[in-house]
Amino acid sequence: MAGLVALRIAWGLVGTRHARFSSFVRAPAAIARHLRAMLQGSPERHAGHNPTGTLAILALLALTLAVTASGWAILNEFGGE
């Protein structure tokens, strides 16, 4: 799993235009604006990921790293050597 996260981070730095972090990681104000527009029923259209997708992608990467780290820690504590 850590390898997949590393691959996605690398792809986010050098990948295609819509896969790069610079194209979809937005400021908190842009995310809040997009959430308000979604609640009002008129969200903006985006090619690629919308600003709220930033939350999902970053959360998935962070949670995957947390699962990987906890699994590694448990292996070293109970199954090492």
PDB file of N, CA and C in Angstrom:
ATOM      1  N   MET A   1       0.823  -1.190   0.000  1.00  0.00           N
ATOM      2  CA  MET A   1       0.000   0.000   0.000  1.00  0.00           C
ATOM      3  C   MET A   1       0.864   1.248   0.000  1.00  0.00           C
ATOM      4  N   ALA A   2       1.956   1.201   0.732  1.00  0.00           N
ATOM      5  CA  ALA A   2       2.851   2.357   0.755  1.00  0.00           C
ATOM      6  C   ALA A   2       3.417   2.614  -0.637  1.00  0.00           C
ATOM      7  N   GLY A   3       3.690   1.544  -1.370  1.00  0.00           N
ATOM      8  CA  GLY A   3       4.185   1.693  -2.734  1.00  0.00           C
ATOM      9  C   GLY A   3       3.159   2.353  -3.640  1.00  0.00           C
ATOM     10  N   LEU A   4       1.895   2.000  -3.462  1.00  0.00           N
ATOM     11  CA  LEU A   4       0.837   2.623  -4.261  1.00  0.00           C
ATOM     12  C   LEU A   4       0.707   4.113  -3.941  1.00  0.00           C
ATOM     13  N   VAL A   5       0.810   4.457  -2.670  1.00  0.00           N
ATOM     14  CA  VAL A   5       0.753   5.878  -2.280  1.00  0.00           C
ATOM     15  C   VAL A   5       1.950   6.619  -2.867  1.00  0.00           C
ATOM     16  N   ALA A   6       3.128   6.001  -2.799  1.00  0.00           N
ATOM     17  CA  ALA A   6       4.321   6.641  -3.365  1.00  0.00           C
ATOM     18  C   ALA A   6       4.165   6.829  -4.868  1.00  0.00           C
ATOM     19  N   LEU A   7       3.594   5.830  -5.535  1.00  0.00           N
ATOM     20  CA  LEU A   7       3.361   5.946  -6.977  1.00  0.00           C
ATOM     21  C   LEU A   7       2.371   7.065  -7.282  1.00  0.00           C
ATOM     22  N   ARG A   8       1.296   7.175  -6.484  1.00  0.00           N
ATOM     23  CA  ARG A   8       0.308   8.232  -6.720  1.00  0.00           C
ATOM     24  C   ARG A   8       0.904   9.614  -6.457  1.00  0.00           C
ATOM     25  N   ILE A   9       1.750   9.719  -5.453  1.00  0.00           N
ATOM     26  CA  ILE A   9       2.389  11.004  -5.174  1.00  0.00           C
ATOM     27  C   ILE A   9       3.328  11.372  -6.323  1.00  0.00           C
ATOM     28  N   ALA A  10       4.079  10.404  -6.812  1.00  0.00           N
ATOM     29  CA  ALA A  10       4.953  10.667  -7.959  1.00  0.00           C
ATOM     30  C   ALA A  10       4.128  11.068  -9.169  1.00  0.00           C
ATOM     31  N   TRP A  11       3.011  10.354  -9.408  1.00  0.00           N
ATOM     32  CA  TRP A  11       2.147  10.680 -10.545  1.00  0.00           C
ATOM     33  C   TRP A  11       1.526  12.060 -10.355  1.00  0.00           C
ATOM     34  N   GLY A  12       1.252  12.446  -9.123  1.00  0.00           N
ATOM     35  CA  GLY A  12       0.702  13.771  -8.844  1.00  0.00           C
ATOM     36  C   GLY A  12       1.703  14.891  -9.078  1.00  0.00           C
ATOM     37  N   LEU A  13       2.973  14.548  -9.107  1.00  0.00           N
ATOM     38  CA  LEU A  13       4.004  15.557  -9.366  1.00  0.00           C
ATOM     39  C   LEU A  13       4.393  15.642 -10.836  1.00  0.00           C
ATOM     40  N   VAL A  14       4.381  14.517 -11.546  1.00  0.00           N
ATOM     41  CA  VAL A  14       4.868  14.519 -12.933  1.00  0.00           C
ATOM     42  C   VAL A  14       3.855  13.972 -13.929  1.00  0.00           C
ATOM     43  N   GLY A  15       2.654  13.628 -13.508  1.00  0.00           N
ATOM     44  CA  GLY A  15       1.673  12.985 -14.374  1.00  0.00           C
ATOM     45  C   GLY A  15       1.009  13.941 -15.358  1.00  0.00           C
ATOM     46  N   THR A  16      -0.113  13.470 -15.887  1.00  0.00           N
ATOM     47  CA  THR A  16      -0.866  14.268 -16.852  1.00  0.00           C
ATOM     48  C   THR A  16      -1.440  15.517 -16.182  1.00  0.00           C
ATOM     49  N   ARG A  17      -1.957  16.411 -16.989  1.00  0.00           N
ATOM     50  CA  ARG A  17      -2.407  17.708 -16.493  1.00  0.00           C
ATOM     51  C   ARG A  17      -3.451  17.579 -15.384  1.00  0.00           C
ATOM     52  N   HIS A  18      -4.451  16.728 -15.557  1.00  0.00           N
ATOM     53  CA  HIS A  18      -5.514  16.616 -14.556  1.00  0.00           C
ATOM     54  C   HIS A  18      -5.112  15.746 -13.373  1.00  0.00           C
ATOM     55  N   ALA A  19      -4.052  14.963 -13.499  1.00  0.00           N
ATOM     56  CA  ALA A  19      -3.599  14.113 -12.388  1.00  0.00           C
ATOM     57  C   ALA A  19      -2.652  14.852 -11.445  1.00  0.00           C
ATOM     58  N   ARG A  20      -2.113  15.964 -11.882  1.00  0.00           N
ATOM     59  CA  ARG A  20      -1.153  16.692 -11.044  1.00  0.00           C
ATOM     60  C   ARG A  20      -1.849  17.374  -9.875  1.00  0.00           C
ATOM     61  N   PHE A  21      -1.169  17.366  -8.742  1.00  0.00           N
ATOM     62  CA  PHE A  21      -1.723  18.016  -7.558  1.00  0.00           C
ATOM     63  C   PHE A  21      -1.957  19.503  -7.791  1.00  0.00           C
ATOM     64  N   SER A  22      -1.123  20.120  -8.575  1.00  0.00           N
ATOM     65  CA  SER A  22      -1.275  21.558  -8.822  1.00  0.00           C
ATOM     66  C   SER A  22      -2.569  21.889  -9.543  1.00  0.00           C
ATOM     67  N   SER A  23      -3.189  20.912 -10.218  1.00  0.00           N
ATOM     68  CA  SER A  23      -4.425  21.199 -10.944  1.00  0.00           C
ATOM     69  C   SER A  23      -5.673  21.019 -10.092  1.00  0.00           C
ATOM     70  N   PHE A  24      -5.588  20.271  -8.991  1.00  0.00           N
ATOM     71  CA  PHE A  24      -6.812  20.053  -8.228  1.00  0.00           C
ATOM     72  C   PHE A  24      -6.717  20.340  -6.737  1.00  0.00           C
ATOM     73  N   VAL A  25      -5.554  20.495  -6.173  1.00  0.00           N
ATOM     74  CA  VAL A  25      -5.472  20.855  -4.750  1.00  0.00           C
ATOM     75  C   VAL A  25      -5.756  22.351  -4.647  1.00  0.00           C
ATOM     76  N   ARG A  26      -6.846  22.660  -3.993  1.00  0.00           N
ATOM     77  CA  ARG A  26      -7.313  24.035  -3.902  1.00  0.00           C
ATOM     78  C   ARG A  26      -7.196  24.556  -2.468  1.00  0.00           C
ATOM     79  N   ALA A  27      -7.312  25.857  -2.347  1.00  0.00           N
ATOM     80  CA  ALA A  27      -7.295  26.512  -1.037  1.00  0.00           C
ATOM     81  C   ALA A  27      -8.599  26.203  -0.296  1.00  0.00           C
ATOM     82  N   PRO A  28      -8.584  26.252   1.024  1.00  0.00           N
ATOM     83  CA  PRO A  28      -9.810  26.005   1.794  1.00  0.00           C
ATOM     84  C   PRO A  28     -10.971  26.922   1.392  1.00  0.00           C
ATOM     85  N   ALA A  29     -10.677  28.148   1.009  1.00  0.00           N
ATOM     86  CA  ALA A  29     -11.749  29.064   0.596  1.00  0.00           C
ATOM     87  C   ALA A  29     -12.441  28.565  -0.671  1.00  0.00           C
ATOM     88  N   ALA A  30     -11.690  28.025  -1.607  1.00  0.00           N
ATOM     89  CA  ALA A  30     -12.281  27.494  -2.842  1.00  0.00           C
ATOM     90  C   ALA A  30     -13.132  26.264  -2.545  1.00  0.00           C
ATOM     91  N   ILE A  31     -12.679  25.445  -1.604  1.00  0.00           N
ATOM     92  CA  ILE A  31     -13.451  24.259  -1.221  1.00  0.00           C
ATOM     93  C   ILE A  31     -14.759  24.675  -0.568  1.00  0.00           C
ATOM     94  N   ALA A  32     -14.692  25.639   0.337  1.00  0.00           N
ATOM     95  CA  ALA A  32     -15.907  26.132   1.003  1.00  0.00           C
ATOM     96  C   ALA A  32     -16.863  26.751  -0.004  1.00  0.00           C
ATOM     97  N   ARG A  33     -16.348  27.512  -0.964  1.00  0.00           N
ATOM     98  CA  ARG A  33     -17.183  28.123  -1.990  1.00  0.00           C
ATOM     99  C   ARG A  33     -17.889  27.047  -2.821  1.00  0.00           C
ATOM    100  N   HIS A  34     -17.151  25.997  -3.170  1.00  0.00           N
ATOM    101  CA  HIS A  34     -17.735  24.908  -3.953  1.00  0.00           C
ATOM    102  C   HIS A  34     -18.803  24.163  -3.147  1.00  0.00           C
ATOM    103  N   LEU A  35     -18.548  23.935  -1.856  1.00  0.00           N
ATOM    104  CA  LEU A  35     -19.544  23.273  -1.014  1.00  0.00           C
ATOM    105  C   LEU A  35     -20.821  24.102  -0.902  1.00  0.00           C
ATOM    106  N   ARG A  36     -20.673  25.422  -0.732  1.00  0.00           N
ATOM    107  CA  ARG A  36     -21.852  26.303  -0.685  1.00  0.00           C
ATOM    108  C   ARG A  36     -22.629  26.238  -1.994  1.00  0.00           C
ATOM    109  N   ALA A  37     -21.918  26.262  -3.111  1.00  0.00           N
ATOM    110  CA  ALA A  37     -22.592  26.204  -4.413  1.00  0.00           C
ATOM    111  C   ALA A  37     -23.305  24.864  -4.598  1.00  0.00           C
ATOM    112  N   MET A  38     -22.702  23.782  -4.102  1.00  0.00           N
ATOM    113  CA  MET A  38     -23.362  22.470  -4.197  1.00  0.00           C
ATOM    114  C   MET A  38     -24.637  22.451  -3.362  1.00  0.00           C
ATOM    115  N   LEU A  39     -24.595  23.028  -2.169  1.00  0.00           N
ATOM    116  CA  LEU A  39     -25.778  23.061  -1.313  1.00  0.00           C
ATOM    117  C   LEU A  39     -26.889  23.918  -1.910  1.00  0.00           C
ATOM    118  N   GLN A  40     -26.521  24.934  -2.671  1.00  0.00           N
ATOM    119  CA  GLN A  40     -27.508  25.799  -3.320  1.00  0.00           C
ATOM    120  C   GLN A  40     -28.022  25.191  -4.614  1.00  0.00           C
ATOM    121  N   GLY A  41     -27.433  24.084  -5.041  1.00  0.00           N
ATOM    122  CA  GLY A  41     -27.898  23.397  -6.237  1.00  0.00           C
ATOM    123  C   GLY A  41     -27.295  23.892  -7.536  1.00  0.00           C
ATOM    124  N   SER A  42     -26.246  24.689  -7.463  1.00  0.00           N
ATOM    125  CA  SER A  42     -25.618  25.199  -8.689  1.00  0.00           C
ATOM    126  C   SER A  42     -24.094  25.111  -8.599  1.00  0.00           C
ATOM    127  N   PRO A  43     -23.559  23.892  -8.514  1.00  0.00           N
ATOM    128  CA  PRO A  43     -22.100  23.774  -8.411  1.00  0.00           C
ATOM    129  C   PRO A  43     -21.413  24.154  -9.717  1.00  0.00           C
ATOM    130  N   GLU A  44     -20.201  24.652  -9.594  1.00  0.00           N
ATOM    131  CA  GLU A  44     -19.414  25.001 -10.773  1.00  0.00           C
ATOM    132  C   GLU A  44     -18.981  23.712 -11.461  1.00  0.00           C
ATOM    133  N   ARG A  45     -18.762  23.802 -12.766  1.00  0.00           N
ATOM    134  CA  ARG A  45     -18.278  22.645 -13.514  1.00  0.00           C
ATOM    135  C   ARG A  45     -16.764  22.729 -13.620  1.00  0.00           C
ATOM    136  N   HIS A  46     -16.105  21.573 -13.508  1.00  0.00           N
ATOM    137  CA  HIS A  46     -14.652  21.520 -13.573  1.00  0.00           C
ATOM    138  C   HIS A  46     -14.231  20.373 -14.475  1.00  0.00           C
ATOM    139  N   ALA A  47     -13.206  20.610 -15.272  1.00  0.00           N
ATOM    140  CA  ALA A  47     -12.582  19.516 -16.003  1.00  0.00           C
ATOM    141  C   ALA A  47     -11.632  18.835 -15.029  1.00  0.00           C
ATOM    142  N   GLY A  48     -11.765  17.562 -14.840  1.00  0.00           N
ATOM    143  CA  GLY A  48     -10.944  16.871 -13.848  1.00  0.00           C
ATOM    144  C   GLY A  48     -11.622  16.901 -12.491  1.00  0.00           C
ATOM    145  N   HIS A  49     -10.857  17.009 -11.443  1.00  0.00           N
ATOM    146  CA  HIS A  49     -11.391  16.966 -10.077  1.00  0.00           C
ATOM    147  C   HIS A  49     -11.947  18.326  -9.668  1.00  0.00           C
ATOM    148  N   ASN A  50     -13.075  18.305  -8.938  1.00  0.00           N
ATOM    149  CA  ASN A  50     -13.596  19.557  -8.400  1.00  0.00           C
ATOM    150  C   ASN A  50     -12.910  19.842  -7.065  1.00  0.00           C
ATOM    151  N   PRO A  51     -13.095  21.037  -6.503  1.00  0.00           N
ATOM    152  CA  PRO A  51     -12.388  21.384  -5.263  1.00  0.00           C
ATOM    153  C   PRO A  51     -12.685  20.454  -4.092  1.00  0.00           C
ATOM    154  N   THR A  52     -13.907  19.928  -3.989  1.00  0.00           N
ATOM    155  CA  THR A  52     -14.193  19.015  -2.886  1.00  0.00           C
ATOM    156  C   THR A  52     -13.534  17.657  -3.096  1.00  0.00           C
ATOM    157  N   GLY A  53     -13.189  17.331  -4.324  1.00  0.00           N
ATOM    158  CA  GLY A  53     -12.434  16.113  -4.591  1.00  0.00           C
ATOM    159  C   GLY A  53     -11.070  16.149  -3.934  1.00  0.00           C
ATOM    160  N   THR A  54     -10.560  17.342  -3.719  1.00  0.00           N
ATOM    161  CA  THR A  54      -9.291  17.507  -3.018  1.00  0.00           C
ATOM    162  C   THR A  54      -9.361  16.863  -1.634  1.00  0.00           C
ATOM    163  N   LEU A  55     -10.476  17.101  -0.940  1.00  0.00           N
ATOM    164  CA  LEU A  55     -10.640  16.519   0.393  1.00  0.00           C
ATOM    165  C   LEU A  55     -10.623  14.998   0.337  1.00  0.00           C
ATOM    166  N   ALA A  56     -11.346  14.434  -0.614  1.00  0.00           N
ATOM    167  CA  ALA A  56     -11.418  12.980  -0.723  1.00  0.00           C
ATOM    168  C   ALA A  56     -10.065  12.370  -1.062  1.00  0.00           C
ATOM    169  N   ILE A  57      -9.376  12.948  -2.003  1.00  0.00           N
ATOM    170  CA  ILE A  57      -8.091  12.391  -2.436  1.00  0.00           C
ATOM    171  C   ILE A  57      -7.048  12.500  -1.328  1.00  0.00           C
ATOM    172  N   LEU A  58      -6.950  13.652  -0.696  1.00  0.00           N
ATOM    173  CA  LEU A  58      -5.976  13.814   0.380  1.00  0.00           C
ATOM    174  C   LEU A  58      -6.319  12.933   1.580  1.00  0.00           C
ATOM    175  N   ALA A  59      -7.616  12.764   1.876  1.00  0.00           N
ATOM    176  CA  ALA A  59      -8.019  11.885   2.973  1.00  0.00           C
ATOM    177  C   ALA A  59      -7.673  10.434   2.656  1.00  0.00           C
ATOM    178  N   LEU A  60      -7.924   9.999   1.419  1.00  0.00           N
ATOM    179  CA  LEU A  60      -7.586   8.627   1.042  1.00  0.00           C
ATOM    180  C   LEU A  60      -6.086   8.374   1.138  1.00  0.00           C
ATOM    181  N   LEU A  61      -5.290   9.316   0.669  1.00  0.00           N
ATOM    182  CA  LEU A  61      -3.837   9.146   0.759  1.00  0.00           C
ATOM    183  C   LEU A  61      -3.379   9.104   2.212  1.00  0.00           C
ATOM    184  N   ALA A  62      -3.910   9.999   3.031  1.00  0.00           N
ATOM    185  CA  ALA A  62      -3.511  10.040   4.443  1.00  0.00           C
ATOM    186  C   ALA A  62      -3.948   8.782   5.184  1.00  0.00           C
ATOM    187  N   LEU A  63      -5.173   8.329   4.951  1.00  0.00           N
ATOM    188  CA  LEU A  63      -5.657   7.135   5.632  1.00  0.00           C
ATOM    189  C   LEU A  63      -4.909   5.883   5.174  1.00  0.00           C
ATOM    190  N   THR A  64      -4.568   5.817   3.901  1.00  0.00           N
ATOM    191  CA  THR A  64      -3.796   4.678   3.404  1.00  0.00           C
ATOM    192  C   THR A  64      -2.416   4.657   4.036  1.00  0.00           C
ATOM    193  N   LEU A  65      -1.795   5.816   4.178  1.00  0.00           N
ATOM    194  CA  LEU A  65      -0.506   5.872   4.867  1.00  0.00           C
ATOM    195  C   LEU A  65      -0.636   5.481   6.335  1.00  0.00           C
ATOM    196  N   ALA A  66      -1.727   5.880   6.976  1.00  0.00           N
ATOM    197  CA  ALA A  66      -1.940   5.528   8.383  1.00  0.00           C
ATOM    198  C   ALA A  66      -2.120   4.019   8.543  1.00  0.00           C
ATOM    199  N   VAL A  67      -2.883   3.397   7.650  1.00  0.00           N
ATOM    200  CA  VAL A  67      -3.073   1.943   7.703  1.00  0.00           C
ATOM    201  C   VAL A  67      -1.744   1.233   7.469  1.00  0.00           C
ATOM    202  N   THR A  68      -0.979   1.718   6.512  1.00  0.00           N
ATOM    203  CA  THR A  68       0.317   1.118   6.223  1.00  0.00           C
ATOM    204  C   THR A  68       1.254   1.244   7.419  1.00  0.00           C
ATOM    205  N   ALA A  69       1.307   2.418   8.006  1.00  0.00           N
ATOM    206  CA  ALA A  69       2.189   2.637   9.155  1.00  0.00           C
ATOM    207  C   ALA A  69       1.768   1.787  10.349  1.00  0.00           C
ATOM    208  N   SER A  70       0.467   1.682  10.604  1.00  0.00           N
ATOM    209  CA  SER A  70       0.021   0.878  11.740  1.00  0.00           C
ATOM    210  C   SER A  70       0.287  -0.605  11.492  1.00  0.00           C
ATOM    211  N   GLY A  71       0.110  -1.060  10.267  1.00  0.00           N
ATOM    212  CA  GLY A  71       0.425  -2.451   9.942  1.00  0.00           C
ATOM    213  C   GLY A  71       1.905  -2.750  10.098  1.00  0.00           C
ATOM    214  N   TRP A  72       2.724  -1.823   9.663  1.00  0.00           N
ATOM    215  CA  TRP A  72       4.172  -1.990   9.806  1.00  0.00           C
ATOM    216  C   TRP A  72       4.564  -2.023  11.286  1.00  0.00           C
ATOM    217  N   ALA A  73       3.952  -1.143  12.085  1.00  0.00           N
ATOM    218  CA  ALA A  73       4.255  -1.100  13.515  1.00  0.00           C
ATOM    219  C   ALA A  73       3.828  -2.390  14.207  1.00  0.00           C
ATOM    220  N   ILE A  74       2.656  -2.910  13.857  1.00  0.00           N
ATOM    221  CA  ILE A  74       2.187  -4.157  14.463  1.00  0.00           C
ATOM    222  C   ILE A  74       3.076  -5.323  14.050  1.00  0.00           C
ATOM    223  N   LEU A  75       3.479  -5.374  12.794  1.00  0.00           N
ATOM    224  CA  LEU A  75       4.367  -6.436  12.332  1.00  0.00           C
ATOM    225  C   LEU A  75       5.671  -6.416  13.095  1.00  0.00           C
ATOM    226  N   ASN A  76       6.222  -5.238  13.287  1.00  0.00           N
ATOM    227  CA  ASN A  76       7.495  -5.138  14.007  1.00  0.00           C
ATOM    228  C   ASN A  76       7.332  -5.460  15.495  1.00  0.00           C
ATOM    229  N   GLU A  77       6.172  -5.192  16.049  1.00  0.00           N
ATOM    230  CA  GLU A  77       5.946  -5.464  17.467  1.00  0.00           C
ATOM    231  C   GLU A  77       5.682  -6.942  17.739  1.00  0.00           C
ATOM    232  N   PHE A  78       4.845  -7.565  16.904  1.00  0.00           N
ATOM    233  CA  PHE A  78       4.414  -8.931  17.186  1.00  0.00           C
ATOM    234  C   PHE A  78       4.994  -9.977  16.249  1.00  0.00           C
ATOM    235  N   GLY A  79       5.297  -9.601  15.011  1.00  0.00           N
ATOM    236  CA  GLY A  79       5.726 -10.612  14.045  1.00  0.00           C
ATOM    237  C   GLY A  79       7.142 -10.463  13.564  1.00  0.00           C
ATOM    238  N   GLY A  80       7.872  -9.549  14.127  1.00  0.00           N
ATOM    239  CA  GLY A  80       9.238  -9.305  13.669  1.00  0.00           C
ATOM    240  C   GLY A  80      10.184 -10.443  14.015  1.00  0.00           C
ATOM    241  N   GLU A  81      11.373 -10.356  13.497  1.00  0.00           N
ATOM    242  CA  GLU A  81      12.445 -11.309  13.741  1.00  0.00           C
ATOM    243  C   GLU A  81      12.041 -12.651  13.227  1.00  0.00           C
TER     244      GLU A  81
END
